[in-house]
Amino acid sequence: ANLGNPIVQSKKNSALKASLAEISHLLESPTQEHQSWIKKFFS
């Protein structure tokens, strides 16, 4: 529900939370998976 916050701010917060969750997941991943993810990201 939108509790008085601008829609853009709500979406930005959601994206930020999703990004933080993804980053924390990557940091917890084994090194081999992390390196392959980096290769996919930059290839």
C-alpha atoms as a PDB file:
ATOM      1  CA  ALA A   1       0.000   0.000   0.000  1.00  0.00           C
ATOM      2  CA  ASN A   2       1.109   3.548  -0.698  1.00  0.00           C
ATOM      3  CA  LEU A   3       1.258   5.245   2.712  1.00  0.00           C
ATOM      4  CA  GLY A   4       1.777   8.811   1.505  1.00  0.00           C
ATOM      5  CA  ASN A   5       5.126   8.127  -0.167  1.00  0.00           C
ATOM      6  CA  PRO A   6       5.564   9.109  -3.832  1.00  0.00           C
ATOM      7  CA  ILE A   7       5.196   6.142  -6.182  1.00  0.00           C
ATOM      8  CA  VAL A   8       8.676   6.748  -7.602  1.00  0.00           C
ATOM      9  CA  GLN A   9      10.196   6.659  -4.126  1.00  0.00           C
ATOM     10  CA  SER A  10       8.353   3.424  -3.331  1.00  0.00           C
ATOM     11  CA  LYS A  11       9.633   1.808  -6.522  1.00  0.00           C
ATOM     12  CA  LYS A  12      13.131   3.120  -5.867  1.00  0.00           C
ATOM     13  CA  ASN A  13      13.097   1.634  -2.356  1.00  0.00           C
ATOM     14  CA  SER A  14      11.857  -1.691  -3.716  1.00  0.00           C
ATOM     15  CA  ALA A  15      14.593  -1.755  -6.348  1.00  0.00           C
ATOM     16  CA  LEU A  16      17.167  -0.836  -3.722  1.00  0.00           C
ATOM     17  CA  LYS A  17      16.006  -3.631  -1.415  1.00  0.00           C
ATOM     18  CA  ALA A  18      16.079  -6.096  -4.317  1.00  0.00           C
ATOM     19  CA  SER A  19      19.592  -4.986  -5.277  1.00  0.00           C
ATOM     20  CA  LEU A  20      20.840  -5.303  -1.703  1.00  0.00           C
ATOM     21  CA  ALA A  21      19.305  -8.765  -1.434  1.00  0.00           C
ATOM     22  CA  GLU A  22      20.951  -9.823  -4.701  1.00  0.00           C
ATOM     23  CA  ILE A  23      24.337  -8.415  -3.667  1.00  0.00           C
ATOM     24  CA  SER A  24      24.187 -10.098  -0.254  1.00  0.00           C
ATOM     25  CA  HIS A  25      23.263 -13.373  -1.987  1.00  0.00           C
ATOM     26  CA  LEU A  26      26.236 -13.018  -4.348  1.00  0.00           C
ATOM     27  CA  LEU A  27      28.562 -12.335  -1.428  1.00  0.00           C
ATOM     28  CA  GLU A  28      27.352 -15.541   0.238  1.00  0.00           C
ATOM     29  CA  SER A  29      27.776 -17.576  -2.968  1.00  0.00           C
ATOM     30  CA  PRO A  30      30.835 -19.773  -3.528  1.00  0.00           C
ATOM     31  CA  THR A  31      33.718 -18.028  -5.265  1.00  0.00           C
ATOM     32  CA  GLN A  32      33.356 -20.160  -8.393  1.00  0.00           C
ATOM     33  CA  GLU A  33      29.723 -19.113  -8.877  1.00  0.00           C
ATOM     34  CA  HIS A  34      30.608 -15.479  -8.235  1.00  0.00           C
ATOM     35  CA  GLN A  35      33.357 -15.532 -10.878  1.00  0.00           C
ATOM     36  CA  SER A  36      31.071 -17.142 -13.459  1.00  0.00           C
ATOM     37  CA  TRP A  37      28.421 -14.487 -12.698  1.00  0.00           C
ATOM     38  CA  ILE A  38      31.019 -11.760 -13.275  1.00  0.00           C
ATOM     39  CA  LYS A  39      32.025 -13.365 -16.575  1.00  0.00           C
ATOM     40  CA  LYS A  40      28.386 -13.466 -17.704  1.00  0.00           C
ATOM     41  CA  PHE A  41      27.873  -9.864 -16.595  1.00  0.00           C
ATOM     42  CA  PHE A  42      30.871  -8.503 -18.518  1.00  0.00           C
ATOM     43  CA  SER A  43      30.698 -10.780 -21.559  1.00  0.00           C
END
